Amino acid sequence: MLEKTKMIPFDQEPALNTETLMANLGMTRQEANALLWKMFDDGVVDLIPELNEEKLS
């Protein structure tokens, strides 16, 4: 008899936020936030969608 398996979720774009930076790169919260703001200031990322999601929670 075959067992049911769970599908592994596949995100087209990996999440780039404070928590994922802390978990994947071993950064502190302050370092992760500083990096995100630098990337925002340099025009690499747009934080608006992330901030809008936070408002909904």
PDB file of N, CA and C in Angstrom:
ATOM      1  N   MET A   1       0.838  -1.186   0.000  1.00  0.00           N
ATOM      2  CA  MET A   1       0.000   0.000   0.000  1.00  0.00           C
ATOM      3  C   MET A   1       0.889   1.257   0.000  1.00  0.00           C
ATOM      4  N   LEU A   2       0.544   2.207  -0.826  1.00  0.00           N
ATOM      5  CA  LEU A   2       1.321   3.432  -0.910  1.00  0.00           C
ATOM      6  C   LEU A   2       0.914   4.405   0.186  1.00  0.00           C
ATOM      7  N   GLU A   3       1.909   5.026   0.758  1.00  0.00           N
ATOM      8  CA  GLU A   3       1.633   6.035   1.774  1.00  0.00           C
ATOM      9  C   GLU A   3       1.492   7.395   1.109  1.00  0.00           C
ATOM     10  N   LYS A   4       0.625   8.218   1.688  1.00  0.00           N
ATOM     11  CA  LYS A   4       0.492   9.578   1.183  1.00  0.00           C
ATOM     12  C   LYS A   4       1.696  10.396   1.641  1.00  0.00           C
ATOM     13  N   THR A   5       2.193  11.231   0.750  1.00  0.00           N
ATOM     14  CA  THR A   5       3.301  12.106   1.112  1.00  0.00           C
ATOM     15  C   THR A   5       2.863  13.551   0.965  1.00  0.00           C
ATOM     16  N   LYS A   6       3.450  14.393   1.768  1.00  0.00           N
ATOM     17  CA  LYS A   6       3.154  15.818   1.678  1.00  0.00           C
ATOM     18  C   LYS A   6       4.015  16.432   0.587  1.00  0.00           C
ATOM     19  N   MET A   7       3.423  17.333  -0.165  1.00  0.00           N
ATOM     20  CA  MET A   7       4.184  18.062  -1.165  1.00  0.00           C
ATOM     21  C   MET A   7       5.050  19.102  -0.457  1.00  0.00           C
ATOM     22  N   ILE A   8       6.243  19.275  -0.945  1.00  0.00           N
ATOM     23  CA  ILE A   8       7.119  20.303  -0.408  1.00  0.00           C
ATOM     24  C   ILE A   8       6.701  21.624  -1.033  1.00  0.00           C
ATOM     25  N   PRO A   9       6.417  22.635  -0.216  1.00  0.00           N
ATOM     26  CA  PRO A   9       6.006  23.916  -0.793  1.00  0.00           C
ATOM     27  C   PRO A   9       7.138  24.525  -1.610  1.00  0.00           C
ATOM     28  N   PHE A  10       6.793  25.092  -2.729  1.00  0.00           N
ATOM     29  CA  PHE A  10       7.787  25.711  -3.600  1.00  0.00           C
ATOM     30  C   PHE A  10       7.427  27.167  -3.782  1.00  0.00           C
ATOM     31  N   ASP A  11       8.282  28.050  -3.290  1.00  0.00           N
ATOM     32  CA  ASP A  11       8.078  29.483  -3.462  1.00  0.00           C
ATOM     33  C   ASP A  11       8.919  29.942  -4.636  1.00  0.00           C
ATOM     34  N   GLN A  12       8.292  30.667  -5.541  1.00  0.00           N
ATOM     35  CA  GLN A  12       9.035  31.185  -6.683  1.00  0.00           C
ATOM     36  C   GLN A  12      10.130  32.137  -6.219  1.00  0.00           C
ATOM     37  N   GLU A  13       9.805  32.995  -5.259  1.00  0.00           N
ATOM     38  CA  GLU A  13      10.791  33.916  -4.710  1.00  0.00           C
ATOM     39  C   GLU A  13      10.930  33.632  -3.219  1.00  0.00           C
ATOM     40  N   PRO A  14      12.138  33.309  -2.779  1.00  0.00           N
ATOM     41  CA  PRO A  14      12.311  33.074  -1.342  1.00  0.00           C
ATOM     42  C   PRO A  14      12.072  34.362  -0.562  1.00  0.00           C
ATOM     43  N   ALA A  15      11.563  34.210   0.637  1.00  0.00           N
ATOM     44  CA  ALA A  15      11.278  35.376   1.476  1.00  0.00           C
ATOM     45  C   ALA A  15      12.577  36.030   1.909  1.00  0.00           C
ATOM     46  N   LEU A  16      12.614  37.340   1.803  1.00  0.00           N
ATOM     47  CA  LEU A  16      13.768  38.099   2.267  1.00  0.00           C
ATOM     48  C   LEU A  16      13.253  39.038   3.351  1.00  0.00           C
ATOM     49  N   ASN A  17      13.452  38.625   4.595  1.00  0.00           N
ATOM     50  CA  ASN A  17      13.021  39.458   5.708  1.00  0.00           C
ATOM     51  C   ASN A  17      13.950  39.232   6.896  1.00  0.00           C
ATOM     52  N   THR A  18      13.685  39.924   7.953  1.00  0.00           N
ATOM     53  CA  THR A  18      14.558  39.849   9.133  1.00  0.00           C
ATOM     54  C   THR A  18      14.711  38.419   9.628  1.00  0.00           C
ATOM     55  N   GLU A  19      13.594  37.691   9.730  1.00  0.00           N
ATOM     56  CA  GLU A  19      13.648  36.329  10.271  1.00  0.00           C
ATOM     57  C   GLU A  19      14.445  35.386   9.382  1.00  0.00           C
ATOM     58  N   THR A  20      14.250  35.469   8.050  1.00  0.00           N
ATOM     59  CA  THR A  20      14.980  34.562   7.160  1.00  0.00           C
ATOM     60  C   THR A  20      16.476  34.888   7.145  1.00  0.00           C
ATOM     61  N   LEU A  21      16.827  36.157   7.215  1.00  0.00           N
ATOM     62  CA  LEU A  21      18.251  36.518   7.279  1.00  0.00           C
ATOM     63  C   LEU A  21      18.879  36.005   8.571  1.00  0.00           C
ATOM     64  N   MET A  22      18.156  36.149   9.673  1.00  0.00           N
ATOM     65  CA  MET A  22      18.675  35.677  10.956  1.00  0.00           C
ATOM     66  C   MET A  22      18.879  34.164  10.924  1.00  0.00           C
ATOM     67  N   ALA A  23      17.901  33.440  10.391  1.00  0.00           N
ATOM     68  CA  ALA A  23      17.972  31.981  10.377  1.00  0.00           C
ATOM     69  C   ALA A  23      19.023  31.458   9.391  1.00  0.00           C
ATOM     70  N   ASN A  24      19.057  32.037   8.189  1.00  0.00           N
ATOM     71  CA  ASN A  24      19.934  31.505   7.148  1.00  0.00           C
ATOM     72  C   ASN A  24      21.373  31.997   7.233  1.00  0.00           C
ATOM     73  N   LEU A  25      21.578  33.191   7.745  1.00  0.00           N
ATOM     74  CA  LEU A  25      22.928  33.751   7.784  1.00  0.00           C
ATOM     75  C   LEU A  25      23.482  33.898   9.196  1.00  0.00           C
ATOM     76  N   GLY A  26      22.684  33.541  10.183  1.00  0.00           N
ATOM     77  CA  GLY A  26      23.147  33.605  11.565  1.00  0.00           C
ATOM     78  C   GLY A  26      23.388  35.029  12.044  1.00  0.00           C
ATOM     79  N   MET A  27      22.602  35.965  11.517  1.00  0.00           N
ATOM     80  CA  MET A  27      22.757  37.376  11.898  1.00  0.00           C
ATOM     81  C   MET A  27      21.933  37.683  13.135  1.00  0.00           C
ATOM     82  N   THR A  28      22.299  38.764  13.796  1.00  0.00           N
ATOM     83  CA  THR A  28      21.453  39.268  14.870  1.00  0.00           C
ATOM     84  C   THR A  28      20.309  40.045  14.218  1.00  0.00           C
ATOM     85  N   ARG A  29      19.277  40.338  14.990  1.00  0.00           N
ATOM     86  CA  ARG A  29      18.144  41.105  14.462  1.00  0.00           C
ATOM     87  C   ARG A  29      18.612  42.487  13.978  1.00  0.00           C
ATOM     88  N   GLN A  30      19.498  43.124  14.725  1.00  0.00           N
ATOM     89  CA  GLN A  30      19.987  44.447  14.338  1.00  0.00           C
ATOM     90  C   GLN A  30      20.762  44.386  13.017  1.00  0.00           C
ATOM     91  N   GLU A  31      21.615  43.365  12.858  1.00  0.00           N
ATOM     92  CA  GLU A  31      22.387  43.218  11.622  1.00  0.00           C
ATOM     93  C   GLU A  31      21.465  42.963  10.425  1.00  0.00           C
ATOM     94  N   ALA A  32      20.475  42.097  10.625  1.00  0.00           N
ATOM     95  CA  ALA A  32      19.543  41.776   9.547  1.00  0.00           C
ATOM     96  C   ALA A  32      18.742  43.004   9.141  1.00  0.00           C
ATOM     97  N   ASN A  33      18.252  43.762  10.121  1.00  0.00           N
ATOM     98  CA  ASN A  33      17.497  44.979   9.812  1.00  0.00           C
ATOM     99  C   ASN A  33      18.370  46.011   9.108  1.00  0.00           C
ATOM    100  N   ALA A  34      19.608  46.154   9.560  1.00  0.00           N
ATOM    101  CA  ALA A  34      20.524  47.110   8.933  1.00  0.00           C
ATOM    102  C   ALA A  34      20.785  46.724   7.475  1.00  0.00           C
ATOM    103  N   LEU A  35      20.964  45.429   7.216  1.00  0.00           N
ATOM    104  CA  LEU A  35      21.187  44.963   5.846  1.00  0.00           C
ATOM    105  C   LEU A  35      19.965  45.225   4.973  1.00  0.00           C
ATOM    106  N   LEU A  36      18.773  44.938   5.491  1.00  0.00           N
ATOM    107  CA  LEU A  36      17.555  45.189   4.720  1.00  0.00           C
ATOM    108  C   LEU A  36      17.391  46.674   4.394  1.00  0.00           C
ATOM    109  N   TRP A  37      17.651  47.542   5.369  1.00  0.00           N
ATOM    110  CA  TRP A  37      17.528  48.982   5.110  1.00  0.00           C
ATOM    111  C   TRP A  37      18.570  49.453   4.116  1.00  0.00           C
ATOM    112  N   LYS A  38      19.800  48.895   4.178  1.00  0.00           N
ATOM    113  CA  LYS A  38      20.841  49.263   3.211  1.00  0.00           C
ATOM    114  C   LYS A  38      20.412  48.844   1.807  1.00  0.00           C
ATOM    115  N   MET A  39      19.868  47.630   1.688  1.00  0.00           N
ATOM    116  CA  MET A  39      19.402  47.147   0.384  1.00  0.00           C
ATOM    117  C   MET A  39      18.256  48.020  -0.133  1.00  0.00           C
ATOM    118  N   PHE A  40      17.390  48.459   0.759  1.00  0.00           N
ATOM    119  CA  PHE A  40      16.284  49.350   0.385  1.00  0.00           C
ATOM    120  C   PHE A  40      16.829  50.697  -0.084  1.00  0.00           C
ATOM    121  N   ASP A  41      17.761  51.260   0.684  1.00  0.00           N
ATOM    122  CA  ASP A  41      18.358  52.545   0.327  1.00  0.00           C
ATOM    123  C   ASP A  41      19.093  52.482  -1.007  1.00  0.00           C
ATOM    124  N   ASP A  42      19.725  51.331  -1.285  1.00  0.00           N
ATOM    125  CA  ASP A  42      20.464  51.149  -2.539  1.00  0.00           C
ATOM    126  C   ASP A  42      19.544  50.791  -3.703  1.00  0.00           C
ATOM    127  N   GLY A  43      18.241  50.627  -3.438  1.00  0.00           N
ATOM    128  CA  GLY A  43      17.293  50.304  -4.495  1.00  0.00           C
ATOM    129  C   GLY A  43      17.284  48.846  -4.907  1.00  0.00           C
ATOM    130  N   VAL A  44      17.878  47.976  -4.080  1.00  0.00           N
ATOM    131  CA  VAL A  44      17.930  46.545  -4.405  1.00  0.00           C
ATOM    132  C   VAL A  44      16.600  45.867  -4.123  1.00  0.00           C
ATOM    133  N   VAL A  45      15.970  46.220  -3.013  1.00  0.00           N
ATOM    134  CA  VAL A  45      14.681  45.632  -2.631  1.00  0.00           C
ATOM    135  C   VAL A  45      13.668  46.725  -2.339  1.00  0.00           C
ATOM    136  N   ASP A  46      12.410  46.361  -2.472  1.00  0.00           N
ATOM    137  CA  ASP A  46      11.312  47.266  -2.158  1.00  0.00           C
ATOM    138  C   ASP A  46      10.608  46.716  -0.926  1.00  0.00           C
ATOM    139  N   LEU A  47      10.630  47.462   0.164  1.00  0.00           N
ATOM    140  CA  LEU A  47      10.055  46.972   1.421  1.00  0.00           C
ATOM    141  C   LEU A  47       8.558  47.204   1.526  1.00  0.00           C
ATOM    142  N   ILE A  48       7.972  47.943   0.604  1.00  0.00           N
ATOM    143  CA  ILE A  48       6.558  48.289   0.706  1.00  0.00           C
ATOM    144  C   ILE A  48       5.654  47.045   0.780  1.00  0.00           C
ATOM    145  N   PRO A  49       5.808  46.035  -0.107  1.00  0.00           N
ATOM    146  CA  PRO A  49       4.934  44.857   0.025  1.00  0.00           C
ATOM    147  C   PRO A  49       5.085  44.173   1.388  1.00  0.00           C
ATOM    148  N   GLU A  50       6.301  44.098   1.896  1.00  0.00           N
ATOM    149  CA  GLU A  50       6.566  43.464   3.197  1.00  0.00           C
ATOM    150  C   GLU A  50       5.887  44.266   4.311  1.00  0.00           C
ATOM    151  N   LEU A  51       5.982  45.588   4.239  1.00  0.00           N
ATOM    152  CA  LEU A  51       5.365  46.429   5.269  1.00  0.00           C
ATOM    153  C   LEU A  51       3.846  46.326   5.211  1.00  0.00           C
ATOM    154  N   ASN A  52       3.268  46.258   4.010  1.00  0.00           N
ATOM    155  CA  ASN A  52       1.830  46.116   3.883  1.00  0.00           C
ATOM    156  C   ASN A  52       1.353  44.792   4.468  1.00  0.00           C
ATOM    157  N   GLU A  53       2.126  43.720   4.272  1.00  0.00           N
ATOM    158  CA  GLU A  53       1.757  42.420   4.849  1.00  0.00           C
ATOM    159  C   GLU A  53       1.754  42.494   6.375  1.00  0.00           C
ATOM    160  N   GLU A  54       2.723  43.211   6.942  1.00  0.00           N
ATOM    161  CA  GLU A  54       2.800  43.352   8.393  1.00  0.00           C
ATOM    162  C   GLU A  54       1.570  44.068   8.939  1.00  0.00           C
ATOM    163  N   LYS A  55       1.064  45.066   8.213  1.00  0.00           N
ATOM    164  CA  LYS A  55      -0.127  45.787   8.661  1.00  0.00           C
ATOM    165  C   LYS A  55      -1.342  44.870   8.715  1.00  0.00           C
ATOM    166  N   LEU A  56      -1.406  43.915   7.784  1.00  0.00           N
ATOM    167  CA  LEU A  56      -2.556  43.010   7.720  1.00  0.00           C
ATOM    168  C   LEU A  56      -2.565  42.017   8.870  1.00  0.00           C
ATOM    169  N   SER A  57      -1.393  41.712   9.407  1.00  0.00           N
ATOM    170  CA  SER A  57      -1.319  40.708  10.479  1.00  0.00           C
ATOM    171  C   SER A  57      -1.836  41.255  11.779  1.00  0.00           C
TER     172      SER A  57
END
